[in-house]
C-alpha atoms as a PDB file:
ATOM      1  CA  UNK A   1     -10.395  46.135 -19.483  1.00  0.00           C
ATOM      2  CA  UNK A   2     -13.158  48.058 -17.698  1.00  0.00           C
ATOM      3  CA  UNK A   3     -15.830  45.909 -19.372  1.00  0.00           C
ATOM      4  CA  UNK A   4     -13.942  42.752 -18.474  1.00  0.00           C
ATOM      5  CA  UNK A   5     -13.622  43.929 -14.872  1.00  0.00           C
ATOM      6  CA  UNK A   6     -17.366  44.520 -14.683  1.00  0.00           C
ATOM      7  CA  UNK A   7     -18.013  40.996 -15.966  1.00  0.00           C
ATOM      8  CA  UNK A   8     -15.693  39.626 -13.296  1.00  0.00           C
ATOM      9  CA  UNK A   9     -17.391  41.594 -10.552  1.00  0.00           C
ATOM     10  CA  UNK A  10     -20.928  40.820 -11.716  1.00  0.00           C
ATOM     11  CA  UNK A  11     -20.366  37.078 -12.076  1.00  0.00           C
ATOM     12  CA  UNK A  12     -18.587  36.685  -8.779  1.00  0.00           C
ATOM     13  CA  UNK A  13     -21.021  38.845  -6.857  1.00  0.00           C
ATOM     14  CA  UNK A  14     -23.996  36.803  -8.080  1.00  0.00           C
ATOM     15  CA  UNK A  15     -22.289  33.637  -6.914  1.00  0.00           C
ATOM     16  CA  UNK A  16     -20.987  34.933  -3.614  1.00  0.00           C
ATOM     17  CA  UNK A  17     -24.093  36.786  -2.461  1.00  0.00           C
ATOM     18  CA  UNK A  18     -26.113  33.644  -3.100  1.00  0.00           C
ATOM     19  CA  UNK A  19     -23.672  31.762  -0.896  1.00  0.00           C
ATOM     20  CA  UNK A  20     -24.357  34.065   2.030  1.00  0.00           C
ATOM     21  CA  UNK A  21     -21.088  33.093   3.713  1.00  0.00           C
ATOM     22  CA  UNK A  22     -19.109  35.280   6.089  1.00  0.00           C
ATOM     23  CA  UNK A  23     -15.444  34.480   5.843  1.00  0.00           C
ATOM     24  CA  UNK A  24     -12.553  36.925   5.930  1.00  0.00           C
ATOM     25  CA  UNK A  25      -8.851  36.898   6.531  1.00  0.00           C
ATOM     26  CA  UNK A  26      -9.468  38.566   9.866  1.00  0.00           C
ATOM     27  CA  UNK A  27     -11.169  35.383  11.069  1.00  0.00           C
ATOM     28  CA  UNK A  28      -7.967  33.367  10.929  1.00  0.00           C
ATOM     29  CA  UNK A  29      -6.809  33.496  14.542  1.00  0.00           C
ATOM     30  CA  UNK A  30      -3.360  32.345  13.433  1.00  0.00           C
ATOM     31  CA  UNK A  31      -0.090  33.620  14.779  1.00  0.00           C
ATOM     32  CA  UNK A  32       1.648  36.129  12.523  1.00  0.00           C
ATOM     33  CA  UNK A  33       5.041  34.561  13.031  1.00  0.00           C
ATOM     34  CA  UNK A  34       6.874  34.466   9.731  1.00  0.00           C
ATOM     35  CA  UNK A  35       9.990  32.357  10.015  1.00  0.00           C
ATOM     36  CA  UNK A  36       8.784  30.320  12.993  1.00  0.00           C
ATOM     37  CA  UNK A  37       9.332  26.560  12.872  1.00  0.00           C
ATOM     38  CA  UNK A  38       7.551  25.739  16.126  1.00  0.00           C
ATOM     39  CA  UNK A  39       4.401  23.572  16.152  1.00  0.00           C
ATOM     40  CA  UNK A  40       1.155  25.373  15.346  1.00  0.00           C
ATOM     41  CA  UNK A  41      -0.260  27.404  12.464  1.00  0.00           C
ATOM     42  CA  UNK A  42       1.873  30.268  11.189  1.00  0.00           C
ATOM     43  CA  UNK A  43       1.426  32.985   8.571  1.00  0.00           C
ATOM     44  CA  UNK A  44       4.180  33.615   6.016  1.00  0.00           C
ATOM     45  CA  UNK A  45       4.578  36.277   3.335  1.00  0.00           C
ATOM     46  CA  UNK A  46       6.747  36.269   0.213  1.00  0.00           C
ATOM     47  CA  UNK A  47       7.026  38.639  -2.737  1.00  0.00           C
ATOM     48  CA  UNK A  48       6.224  37.285  -6.187  1.00  0.00           C
ATOM     49  CA  UNK A  49       6.879  39.647  -9.105  1.00  0.00           C
ATOM     50  CA  UNK A  50       6.600  42.588  -6.729  1.00  0.00           C
ATOM     51  CA  UNK A  51       3.348  41.415  -5.139  1.00  0.00           C
ATOM     52  CA  UNK A  52       3.090  40.235  -1.530  1.00  0.00           C
ATOM     53  CA  UNK A  53       1.620  36.736  -1.352  1.00  0.00           C
ATOM     54  CA  UNK A  54       0.702  34.932   1.834  1.00  0.00           C
ATOM     55  CA  UNK A  55       0.197  31.384   3.025  1.00  0.00           C
ATOM     56  CA  UNK A  56      -0.512  29.531   6.245  1.00  0.00           C
ATOM     57  CA  UNK A  57       1.649  26.625   7.298  1.00  0.00           C
ATOM     58  CA  UNK A  58       0.528  24.149   9.925  1.00  0.00           C
ATOM     59  CA  UNK A  59       3.371  22.404  11.740  1.00  0.00           C
ATOM     60  CA  UNK A  60       2.387  19.249  13.668  1.00  0.00           C
ATOM     61  CA  UNK A  61       3.342  18.931  17.356  1.00  0.00           C
ATOM     62  CA  UNK A  62       5.663  16.014  16.543  1.00  0.00           C
ATOM     63  CA  UNK A  63       7.741  18.029  14.058  1.00  0.00           C
ATOM     64  CA  UNK A  64      11.460  17.272  14.339  1.00  0.00           C
ATOM     65  CA  UNK A  65      13.928  18.590  11.735  1.00  0.00           C
ATOM     66  CA  UNK A  66      16.041  15.471  12.190  1.00  0.00           C
ATOM     67  CA  UNK A  67      13.851  13.692   9.633  1.00  0.00           C
ATOM     68  CA  UNK A  68      12.190  14.662   6.339  1.00  0.00           C
ATOM     69  CA  UNK A  69       8.508  15.594   6.370  1.00  0.00           C
ATOM     70  CA  UNK A  70       5.852  15.264   3.648  1.00  0.00           C
ATOM     71  CA  UNK A  71       3.913  18.371   2.599  1.00  0.00           C
ATOM     72  CA  UNK A  72       0.257  18.709   1.582  1.00  0.00           C
ATOM     73  CA  UNK A  73      -0.676  21.942  -0.217  1.00  0.00           C
ATOM     74  CA  UNK A  74      -4.399  22.758  -0.014  1.00  0.00           C
ATOM     75  CA  UNK A  75      -5.856  25.373  -2.425  1.00  0.00           C
ATOM     76  CA  UNK A  76      -9.055  27.054  -1.196  1.00  0.00           C
ATOM     77  CA  UNK A  77     -12.060  27.503  -3.474  1.00  0.00           C
ATOM     78  CA  UNK A  78     -13.110  30.714  -5.197  1.00  0.00           C
ATOM     79  CA  UNK A  79     -14.076  33.305  -2.597  1.00  0.00           C
ATOM     80  CA  UNK A  80     -12.405  31.332   0.169  1.00  0.00           C
ATOM     81  CA  UNK A  81      -9.343  31.855   2.314  1.00  0.00           C
ATOM     82  CA  UNK A  82      -6.478  29.742   3.558  1.00  0.00           C
ATOM     83  CA  UNK A  83      -7.912  29.704   7.068  1.00  0.00           C
ATOM     84  CA  UNK A  84     -11.376  28.670   5.900  1.00  0.00           C
ATOM     85  CA  UNK A  85      -9.903  25.853   3.785  1.00  0.00           C
ATOM     86  CA  UNK A  86      -7.962  24.638   6.812  1.00  0.00           C
ATOM     87  CA  UNK A  87     -11.096  24.682   8.977  1.00  0.00           C
ATOM     88  CA  UNK A  88     -13.433  23.242   6.346  1.00  0.00           C
ATOM     89  CA  UNK A  89     -11.298  20.299   5.222  1.00  0.00           C
ATOM     90  CA  UNK A  90      -9.596  19.172   8.431  1.00  0.00           C
ATOM     91  CA  UNK A  91      -6.130  19.042   6.850  1.00  0.00           C
ATOM     92  CA  UNK A  92      -4.450  20.579   9.918  1.00  0.00           C
ATOM     93  CA  UNK A  93      -5.940  17.919  12.189  1.00  0.00           C
ATOM     94  CA  UNK A  94      -4.882  15.263   9.698  1.00  0.00           C
ATOM     95  CA  UNK A  95      -1.339  16.667   9.690  1.00  0.00           C
ATOM     96  CA  UNK A  96      -1.217  16.385  13.486  1.00  0.00           C
ATOM     97  CA  UNK A  97      -2.438  12.787  13.369  1.00  0.00           C
ATOM     98  CA  UNK A  98      -0.354  11.496  10.447  1.00  0.00           C
ATOM     99  CA  UNK A  99       2.765  13.662  10.685  1.00  0.00           C
ATOM    100  CA  UNK A 100       3.163  16.056   7.763  1.00  0.00           C
ATOM    101  CA  UNK A 101       3.312  19.791   7.038  1.00  0.00           C
ATOM    102  CA  UNK A 102       0.069  21.317   5.715  1.00  0.00           C
ATOM    103  CA  UNK A 103       0.304  24.484   3.606  1.00  0.00           C
ATOM    104  CA  UNK A 104      -2.678  26.704   2.789  1.00  0.00           C
ATOM    105  CA  UNK A 105      -1.793  29.388   0.215  1.00  0.00           C
ATOM    106  CA  UNK A 106      -3.970  32.474  -0.300  1.00  0.00           C
ATOM    107  CA  UNK A 107      -5.326  33.429  -3.704  1.00  0.00           C
ATOM    108  CA  UNK A 108      -5.661  37.090  -4.675  1.00  0.00           C
ATOM    109  CA  UNK A 109      -8.731  39.303  -4.138  1.00  0.00           C
ATOM    110  CA  UNK A 110     -10.763  40.853  -6.930  1.00  0.00           C
ATOM    111  CA  UNK A 111      -9.541  44.317  -5.900  1.00  0.00           C
ATOM    112  CA  UNK A 112      -5.922  43.843  -4.867  1.00  0.00           C
ATOM    113  CA  UNK A 113      -5.827  47.275  -3.207  1.00  0.00           C
ATOM    114  CA  UNK A 114      -8.328  46.187  -0.541  1.00  0.00           C
ATOM    115  CA  UNK A 115      -8.414  43.340   2.002  1.00  0.00           C
ATOM    116  CA  UNK A 116     -10.034  40.115   0.847  1.00  0.00           C
ATOM    117  CA  UNK A 117     -13.673  39.511   1.737  1.00  0.00           C
ATOM    118  CA  UNK A 118     -15.885  36.620   0.657  1.00  0.00           C
ATOM    119  CA  UNK A 119     -18.860  38.871  -0.010  1.00  0.00           C
ATOM    120  CA  UNK A 120     -17.395  41.905  -1.750  1.00  0.00           C
ATOM    121  CA  UNK A 121     -13.735  41.185  -2.563  1.00  0.00           C
ATOM    122  CA  UNK A 122     -13.366  37.428  -3.137  1.00  0.00           C
ATOM    123  CA  UNK A 123     -10.072  35.626  -3.615  1.00  0.00           C
ATOM    124  CA  UNK A 124      -9.526  33.377  -6.639  1.00  0.00           C
ATOM    125  CA  UNK A 125      -6.798  31.413  -8.421  1.00  0.00           C
ATOM    126  CA  UNK A 126      -5.408  31.819 -11.919  1.00  0.00           C
ATOM    127  CA  UNK A 127      -6.254  28.261 -12.921  1.00  0.00           C
ATOM    128  CA  UNK A 128      -5.270  28.705 -16.571  1.00  0.00           C
ATOM    129  CA  UNK A 129      -8.879  28.673 -17.781  1.00  0.00           C
ATOM    130  CA  UNK A 130      -8.908  32.130 -19.436  1.00  0.00           C
ATOM    131  CA  UNK A 131     -12.345  32.691 -17.903  1.00  0.00           C
ATOM    132  CA  UNK A 132     -13.278  36.367 -17.696  1.00  0.00           C
ATOM    133  CA  UNK A 133     -15.397  35.806 -14.556  1.00  0.00           C
ATOM    134  CA  UNK A 134     -12.444  34.772 -12.363  1.00  0.00           C
ATOM    135  CA  UNK A 135     -10.457  37.759 -11.123  1.00  0.00           C
ATOM    136  CA  UNK A 136      -7.050  36.078 -10.806  1.00  0.00           C
ATOM    137  CA  UNK A 137      -7.408  34.639 -14.322  1.00  0.00           C
ATOM    138  CA  UNK A 138      -8.481  37.996 -15.738  1.00  0.00           C
ATOM    139  CA  UNK A 139      -5.407  39.687 -14.233  1.00  0.00           C
ATOM    140  CA  UNK A 140      -3.008  36.878 -15.169  1.00  0.00           C
ATOM    141  CA  UNK A 141      -1.806  36.412 -11.588  1.00  0.00           C
ATOM    142  CA  UNK A 142       1.522  34.573 -11.217  1.00  0.00           C
ATOM    143  CA  UNK A 143       0.025  31.801  -9.096  1.00  0.00           C
ATOM    144  CA  UNK A 144       2.208  28.978 -10.417  1.00  0.00           C
ATOM    145  CA  UNK A 145       5.311  31.042  -9.652  1.00  0.00           C
ATOM    146  CA  UNK A 146       3.874  31.749  -6.194  1.00  0.00           C
ATOM    147  CA  UNK A 147       3.469  28.038  -5.474  1.00  0.00           C
ATOM    148  CA  UNK A 148       7.006  27.284  -6.669  1.00  0.00           C
ATOM    149  CA  UNK A 149       8.460  30.060  -4.505  1.00  0.00           C
ATOM    150  CA  UNK A 150       6.371  29.025  -1.503  1.00  0.00           C
ATOM    151  CA  UNK A 151       7.702  25.475  -1.736  1.00  0.00           C
ATOM    152  CA  UNK A 152      11.263  26.751  -2.120  1.00  0.00           C
ATOM    153  CA  UNK A 153      10.886  28.910   0.997  1.00  0.00           C
ATOM    154  CA  UNK A 154       9.430  26.017   2.963  1.00  0.00           C
ATOM    155  CA  UNK A 155      12.391  23.849   1.994  1.00  0.00           C
ATOM    156  CA  UNK A 156      14.769  26.542   3.256  1.00  0.00           C
ATOM    157  CA  UNK A 157      13.094  26.734   6.701  1.00  0.00           C
ATOM    158  CA  UNK A 158      11.788  23.205   7.238  1.00  0.00           C
ATOM    159  CA  UNK A 159      12.980  19.649   6.752  1.00  0.00           C
ATOM    160  CA  UNK A 160      10.859  18.844   3.690  1.00  0.00           C
ATOM    161  CA  UNK A 161      10.792  15.492   1.918  1.00  0.00           C
ATOM    162  CA  UNK A 162      11.009  16.662  -1.709  1.00  0.00           C
ATOM    163  CA  UNK A 163       9.743  13.279  -2.889  1.00  0.00           C
ATOM    164  CA  UNK A 164       6.477  13.746  -0.998  1.00  0.00           C
ATOM    165  CA  UNK A 165       4.975  17.131  -1.859  1.00  0.00           C
ATOM    166  CA  UNK A 166       1.284  16.754  -2.662  1.00  0.00           C
ATOM    167  CA  UNK A 167      -1.382  19.129  -3.991  1.00  0.00           C
ATOM    168  CA  UNK A 168      -5.124  19.180  -3.416  1.00  0.00           C
ATOM    169  CA  UNK A 169      -7.865  21.778  -3.681  1.00  0.00           C
ATOM    170  CA  UNK A 170     -11.584  22.469  -3.966  1.00  0.00           C
ATOM    171  CA  UNK A 171     -13.535  24.017  -6.875  1.00  0.00           C
ATOM    172  CA  UNK A 172     -11.381  26.856  -8.303  1.00  0.00           C
ATOM    173  CA  UNK A 173      -8.658  25.475  -6.017  1.00  0.00           C
ATOM    174  CA  UNK A 174      -9.128  22.055  -7.643  1.00  0.00           C
ATOM    175  CA  UNK A 175      -8.519  23.685 -11.016  1.00  0.00           C
ATOM    176  CA  UNK A 176      -5.357  25.214  -9.564  1.00  0.00           C
ATOM    177  CA  UNK A 177      -4.374  21.723  -8.412  1.00  0.00           C
ATOM    178  CA  UNK A 178      -4.761  20.451 -11.966  1.00  0.00           C
ATOM    179  CA  UNK A 179      -2.629  23.348 -13.178  1.00  0.00           C
ATOM    180  CA  UNK A 180       0.329  22.737 -10.858  1.00  0.00           C
ATOM    181  CA  UNK A 181       0.144  19.004 -11.647  1.00  0.00           C
ATOM    182  CA  UNK A 182       0.600  19.885 -15.312  1.00  0.00           C
ATOM    183  CA  UNK A 183       2.972  22.871 -15.148  1.00  0.00           C
ATOM    184  CA  UNK A 184       5.305  22.091 -12.229  1.00  0.00           C
ATOM    185  CA  UNK A 185       4.966  18.321 -12.229  1.00  0.00           C
ATOM    186  CA  UNK A 186       8.599  17.684 -11.152  1.00  0.00           C
ATOM    187  CA  UNK A 187       7.693  19.252  -7.787  1.00  0.00           C
ATOM    188  CA  UNK A 188       4.404  17.404  -7.214  1.00  0.00           C
ATOM    189  CA  UNK A 189       4.376  13.749  -6.138  1.00  0.00           C
ATOM    190  CA  UNK A 190       0.596  13.331  -6.481  1.00  0.00           C
ATOM    191  CA  UNK A 191      -2.510  15.497  -6.869  1.00  0.00           C
ATOM    192  CA  UNK A 192      -6.119  15.263  -5.679  1.00  0.00           C
ATOM    193  CA  UNK A 193      -8.531  17.873  -7.067  1.00  0.00           C
ATOM    194  CA  UNK A 194     -12.077  17.912  -5.658  1.00  0.00           C
ATOM    195  CA  UNK A 195     -15.079  19.264  -7.595  1.00  0.00           C
ATOM    196  CA  UNK A 196     -13.161  21.379 -10.088  1.00  0.00           C
ATOM    197  CA  UNK A 197     -12.206  21.466 -13.760  1.00  0.00           C
ATOM    198  CA  UNK A 198      -8.992  20.790 -15.642  1.00  0.00           C
ATOM    199  CA  UNK A 199      -8.679  23.604 -18.178  1.00  0.00           C
ATOM    200  CA  UNK A 200      -5.266  22.761 -19.614  1.00  0.00           C
ATOM    201  CA  UNK A 201      -5.868  19.737 -21.831  1.00  0.00           C
ATOM    202  CA  UNK A 202      -3.078  20.724 -24.226  1.00  0.00           C
ATOM    203  CA  UNK A 203      -0.425  21.133 -21.517  1.00  0.00           C
ATOM    204  CA  UNK A 204       1.403  17.812 -21.176  1.00  0.00           C
ATOM    205  CA  UNK A 205       3.155  17.490 -17.797  1.00  0.00           C
ATOM    206  CA  UNK A 206       6.879  16.882 -17.821  1.00  0.00           C
ATOM    207  CA  UNK A 207       6.288  14.049 -15.378  1.00  0.00           C
ATOM    208  CA  UNK A 208       3.043  12.016 -15.142  1.00  0.00           C
ATOM    209  CA  UNK A 209       1.549  12.888 -11.751  1.00  0.00           C
ATOM    210  CA  UNK A 210      -0.662  10.276 -10.009  1.00  0.00           C
ATOM    211  CA  UNK A 211      -4.153  11.739  -9.695  1.00  0.00           C
ATOM    212  CA  UNK A 212      -7.213  11.179  -7.499  1.00  0.00           C
ATOM    213  CA  UNK A 213     -10.407  13.026  -8.455  1.00  0.00           C
ATOM    214  CA  UNK A 214     -13.528  13.325  -6.284  1.00  0.00           C
ATOM    215  CA  UNK A 215     -16.861  14.855  -7.288  1.00  0.00           C
ATOM    216  CA  UNK A 216     -20.593  14.615  -6.628  1.00  0.00           C
ATOM    217  CA  UNK A 217     -23.082  13.407  -9.227  1.00  0.00           C
ATOM    218  CA  UNK A 218     -25.506  16.240  -8.368  1.00  0.00           C
ATOM    219  CA  UNK A 219     -23.051  19.138  -8.255  1.00  0.00           C
ATOM    220  CA  UNK A 220     -24.728  22.103 -10.015  1.00  0.00           C
ATOM    221  CA  UNK A 221     -21.443  24.041 -10.125  1.00  0.00           C
ATOM    222  CA  UNK A 222     -19.351  21.130 -11.416  1.00  0.00           C
ATOM    223  CA  UNK A 223     -21.762  18.892 -13.354  1.00  0.00           C
ATOM    224  CA  UNK A 224     -20.526  15.409 -14.191  1.00  0.00           C
ATOM    225  CA  UNK A 225     -21.788  15.796 -17.760  1.00  0.00           C
ATOM    226  CA  UNK A 226     -20.208  19.235 -18.138  1.00  0.00           C
ATOM    227  CA  UNK A 227     -21.977  22.100 -19.904  1.00  0.00           C
ATOM    228  CA  UNK A 228     -23.387  25.440 -18.834  1.00  0.00           C
ATOM    229  CA  UNK A 229     -23.485  26.552 -15.196  1.00  0.00           C
ATOM    230  CA  UNK A 230     -26.542  28.666 -14.399  1.00  0.00           C
ATOM    231  CA  UNK A 231     -26.675  31.079 -11.470  1.00  0.00           C
ATOM    232  CA  UNK A 232     -30.242  32.325 -11.391  1.00  0.00           C
ATOM    233  CA  UNK A 233     -31.154  33.174 -14.993  1.00  0.00           C
ATOM    234  CA  UNK A 234     -27.576  33.836 -16.081  1.00  0.00           C
ATOM    235  CA  UNK A 235     -25.008  31.488 -17.599  1.00  0.00           C
ATOM    236  CA  UNK A 236     -22.078  31.867 -15.209  1.00  0.00           C
ATOM    237  CA  UNK A 237     -19.668  29.342 -16.701  1.00  0.00           C
ATOM    238  CA  UNK A 238     -19.226  26.342 -19.003  1.00  0.00           C
ATOM    239  CA  UNK A 239     -17.427  23.274 -17.667  1.00  0.00           C
ATOM    240  CA  UNK A 240     -15.851  20.222 -19.333  1.00  0.00           C
ATOM    241  CA  UNK A 241     -17.342  16.805 -18.585  1.00  0.00           C
ATOM    242  CA  UNK A 242     -15.698  14.739 -15.860  1.00  0.00           C
ATOM    243  CA  UNK A 243     -15.355  11.775 -18.224  1.00  0.00           C
ATOM    244  CA  UNK A 244     -13.486  13.959 -20.694  1.00  0.00           C
ATOM    245  CA  UNK A 245     -11.048  15.146 -18.023  1.00  0.00           C
ATOM    246  CA  UNK A 246     -10.437  11.634 -16.720  1.00  0.00           C
ATOM    247  CA  UNK A 247      -9.915  10.411 -20.279  1.00  0.00           C
ATOM    248  CA  UNK A 248      -7.179  13.002 -20.754  1.00  0.00           C
ATOM    249  CA  UNK A 249      -5.398  11.804 -17.614  1.00  0.00           C
ATOM    250  CA  UNK A 250      -5.745   8.171 -18.691  1.00  0.00           C
ATOM    251  CA  UNK A 251      -3.620   9.151 -21.699  1.00  0.00           C
ATOM    252  CA  UNK A 252      -1.162  11.231 -19.644  1.00  0.00           C
ATOM    253  CA  UNK A 253      -0.578   8.401 -17.192  1.00  0.00           C
ATOM    254  CA  UNK A 254      -0.522   5.677 -19.822  1.00  0.00           C
ATOM    255  CA  UNK A 255      -3.261   3.704 -18.088  1.00  0.00           C
ATOM    256  CA  UNK A 256      -4.343   0.362 -19.587  1.00  0.00           C
ATOM    257  CA  UNK A 257      -7.948  -0.221 -20.653  1.00  0.00           C
ATOM    258  CA  UNK A 258      -8.622  -2.309 -17.556  1.00  0.00           C
ATOM    259  CA  UNK A 259     -10.315  -0.643 -14.567  1.00  0.00           C
ATOM    260  CA  UNK A 260     -11.349  -1.913 -11.162  1.00  0.00           C
ATOM    261  CA  UNK A 261     -13.956  -0.832  -8.634  1.00  0.00           C
ATOM    262  CA  UNK A 262     -12.053  -0.274  -5.399  1.00  0.00           C
ATOM    263  CA  UNK A 263     -14.888   1.217  -3.331  1.00  0.00           C
ATOM    264  CA  UNK A 264     -18.684   0.793  -3.508  1.00  0.00           C
ATOM    265  CA  UNK A 265     -20.606   1.775  -0.401  1.00  0.00           C
ATOM    266  CA  UNK A 266     -23.239   4.303   0.722  1.00  0.00           C
ATOM    267  CA  UNK A 267     -23.651   5.733  -2.766  1.00  0.00           C
ATOM    268  CA  UNK A 268     -19.909   6.253  -3.226  1.00  0.00           C
ATOM    269  CA  UNK A 269     -18.029   4.549  -6.071  1.00  0.00           C
ATOM    270  CA  UNK A 270     -14.259   4.491  -6.469  1.00  0.00           C
ATOM    271  CA  UNK A 271     -12.745   3.345  -9.774  1.00  0.00           C
ATOM    272  CA  UNK A 272      -9.022   2.757 -10.349  1.00  0.00           C
ATOM    273  CA  UNK A 273      -7.888   3.409 -13.912  1.00  0.00           C
ATOM    274  CA  UNK A 274      -4.237   2.610 -13.249  1.00  0.00           C
ATOM    275  CA  UNK A 275      -3.946  -0.466 -11.116  1.00  0.00           C
ATOM    276  CA  UNK A 276      -1.319  -1.089  -8.408  1.00  0.00           C
ATOM    277  CA  UNK A 277       2.026  -1.979  -9.938  1.00  0.00           C
ATOM    278  CA  UNK A 278       1.611   0.362 -12.910  1.00  0.00           C
ATOM    279  CA  UNK A 279       3.925   3.338 -13.475  1.00  0.00           C
ATOM    280  CA  UNK A 280       1.338   5.734 -12.065  1.00  0.00           C
ATOM    281  CA  UNK A 281      -2.185   5.724 -10.647  1.00  0.00           C
ATOM    282  CA  UNK A 282      -5.488   7.374 -11.521  1.00  0.00           C
ATOM    283  CA  UNK A 283      -8.563   7.053  -9.300  1.00  0.00           C
ATOM    284  CA  UNK A 284     -12.050   8.548  -9.661  1.00  0.00           C
ATOM    285  CA  UNK A 285     -14.533   8.787  -6.770  1.00  0.00           C
ATOM    286  CA  UNK A 286     -18.130   9.790  -7.475  1.00  0.00           C
ATOM    287  CA  UNK A 287     -20.657  10.489  -4.716  1.00  0.00           C
ATOM    288  CA  UNK A 288     -24.314   9.895  -5.544  1.00  0.00           C
ATOM    289  CA  UNK A 289     -26.596  12.958  -5.110  1.00  0.00           C
ATOM    290  CA  UNK A 290     -23.733  14.993  -3.611  1.00  0.00           C
ATOM    291  CA  UNK A 291     -23.436  18.684  -4.448  1.00  0.00           C
ATOM    292  CA  UNK A 292     -20.650  21.264  -4.370  1.00  0.00           C
ATOM    293  CA  UNK A 293     -19.140  20.557  -0.955  1.00  0.00           C
ATOM    294  CA  UNK A 294     -15.868  19.161   0.396  1.00  0.00           C
ATOM    295  CA  UNK A 295     -16.932  15.581   1.268  1.00  0.00           C
ATOM    296  CA  UNK A 296     -16.900  15.093   5.016  1.00  0.00           C
ATOM    297  CA  UNK A 297     -15.986  18.716   5.649  1.00  0.00           C
ATOM    298  CA  UNK A 298     -17.711  21.742   7.141  1.00  0.00           C
ATOM    299  CA  UNK A 299     -19.514  23.516   4.316  1.00  0.00           C
ATOM    300  CA  UNK A 300     -21.376  26.819   4.540  1.00  0.00           C
ATOM    301  CA  UNK A 301     -22.646  26.796   0.944  1.00  0.00           C
ATOM    302  CA  UNK A 302     -26.470  26.772   0.852  1.00  0.00           C
ATOM    303  CA  UNK A 303     -28.387  23.903  -0.737  1.00  0.00           C
ATOM    304  CA  UNK A 304     -30.145  26.220  -3.217  1.00  0.00           C
ATOM    305  CA  UNK A 305     -26.783  27.062  -4.775  1.00  0.00           C
ATOM    306  CA  UNK A 306     -24.538  24.059  -4.175  1.00  0.00           C
ATOM    307  CA  UNK A 307     -26.939  21.132  -3.837  1.00  0.00           C
ATOM    308  CA  UNK A 308     -27.086  18.618  -1.006  1.00  0.00           C
ATOM    309  CA  UNK A 309     -24.184  17.526   1.169  1.00  0.00           C
ATOM    310  CA  UNK A 310     -24.723  13.758   1.116  1.00  0.00           C
ATOM    311  CA  UNK A 311     -21.172  12.439   1.451  1.00  0.00           C
ATOM    312  CA  UNK A 312     -20.665   9.412   3.670  1.00  0.00           C
ATOM    313  CA  UNK A 313     -16.897   9.622   3.180  1.00  0.00           C
ATOM    314  CA  UNK A 314     -14.203  12.028   4.288  1.00  0.00           C
ATOM    315  CA  UNK A 315     -12.276  13.306   1.293  1.00  0.00           C
ATOM    316  CA  UNK A 316      -9.310  14.272   3.474  1.00  0.00           C
ATOM    317  CA  UNK A 317      -8.889  10.686   4.706  1.00  0.00           C
ATOM    318  CA  UNK A 318      -9.233   9.166   1.231  1.00  0.00           C
ATOM    319  CA  UNK A 319      -6.825  11.682  -0.291  1.00  0.00           C
ATOM    320  CA  UNK A 320      -4.168  11.129   2.369  1.00  0.00           C
ATOM    321  CA  UNK A 321      -4.422   7.367   1.894  1.00  0.00           C
ATOM    322  CA  UNK A 322      -3.898   7.902  -1.844  1.00  0.00           C
ATOM    323  CA  UNK A 323      -0.932  10.206  -1.248  1.00  0.00           C
ATOM    324  CA  UNK A 324       0.659   7.619   1.033  1.00  0.00           C
ATOM    325  CA  UNK A 325       0.134   4.898  -1.570  1.00  0.00           C
ATOM    326  CA  UNK A 326       1.878   6.966  -4.241  1.00  0.00           C
ATOM    327  CA  UNK A 327       4.780   8.160  -2.095  1.00  0.00           C
ATOM    328  CA  UNK A 328       7.240   5.768  -3.716  1.00  0.00           C
ATOM    329  CA  UNK A 329       6.374   6.999  -7.225  1.00  0.00           C
ATOM    330  CA  UNK A 330       8.262  10.293  -7.015  1.00  0.00           C
ATOM    331  CA  UNK A 331      11.857  10.171  -8.181  1.00  0.00           C
ATOM    332  CA  UNK A 332      14.306  12.999  -7.532  1.00  0.00           C
ATOM    333  CA  UNK A 333      16.818  13.391 -10.357  1.00  0.00           C
END
């Protein structure tokens, strides 16, 4: 276990020191008001298998419990925080504009006895990959149970539309999005991972979840062709090819052979694998020359590590449009 822990620390430290980012939970500026249902961003804590887990919930100013509200769950990337994901992606602003609840769960830090810090105690998700260089995976954190309990608590305090609970995430958070889409599919109406890998090919979801995937063609940390990820002279990871992952979801969703280009502009291509009117939908967006950044968001990852930020689209807008299109797909039994 000690050797494994050293591998985790070494791999993550190489990655995170190269990033040079300064993000911590102390930066959040949110109100610590567990149980509050007033508009604004609130921090909540629940216990999962004896461990305190936290999440932020953004409540739009138009919130009224007299009607049911959709929920978007956004998983931060490795080393990130809920607050940084909220700031980087613009999901809170989108919630205010479109009228939904936006949840930002926290992963767990490498050393759970100390506060999270991007540089020396990064948070990660147990994405089911069995990778020894991801702390939450190495410890077997109960992240799926955490998400299920978080949603249950939200339903007890807020007027949640159970047919419209959506999941999205970036990088390691995208892999967590894939995992919840496979393992707790009855809870998830649609999913939209960005620049991350699906590690659970053999896990067939109970319910086929409509999926939108976005990635850059020049992402050194999530290469389209898959293969080894190099950080400096070291092999940090090995990723599956995007085509392989999409092919797996074509089978899961029962998509026909026919595809259609639904977007082609400014180096961005959108391909629909399950066309409107089918039982479920699958859409792939690729961004030419784009690196490891949330498209249209505020990224602090340096070019030397993550590649260029070339996106001419806003992932948050495209994802919300997809979620709205798939709202009718979810059936509550």
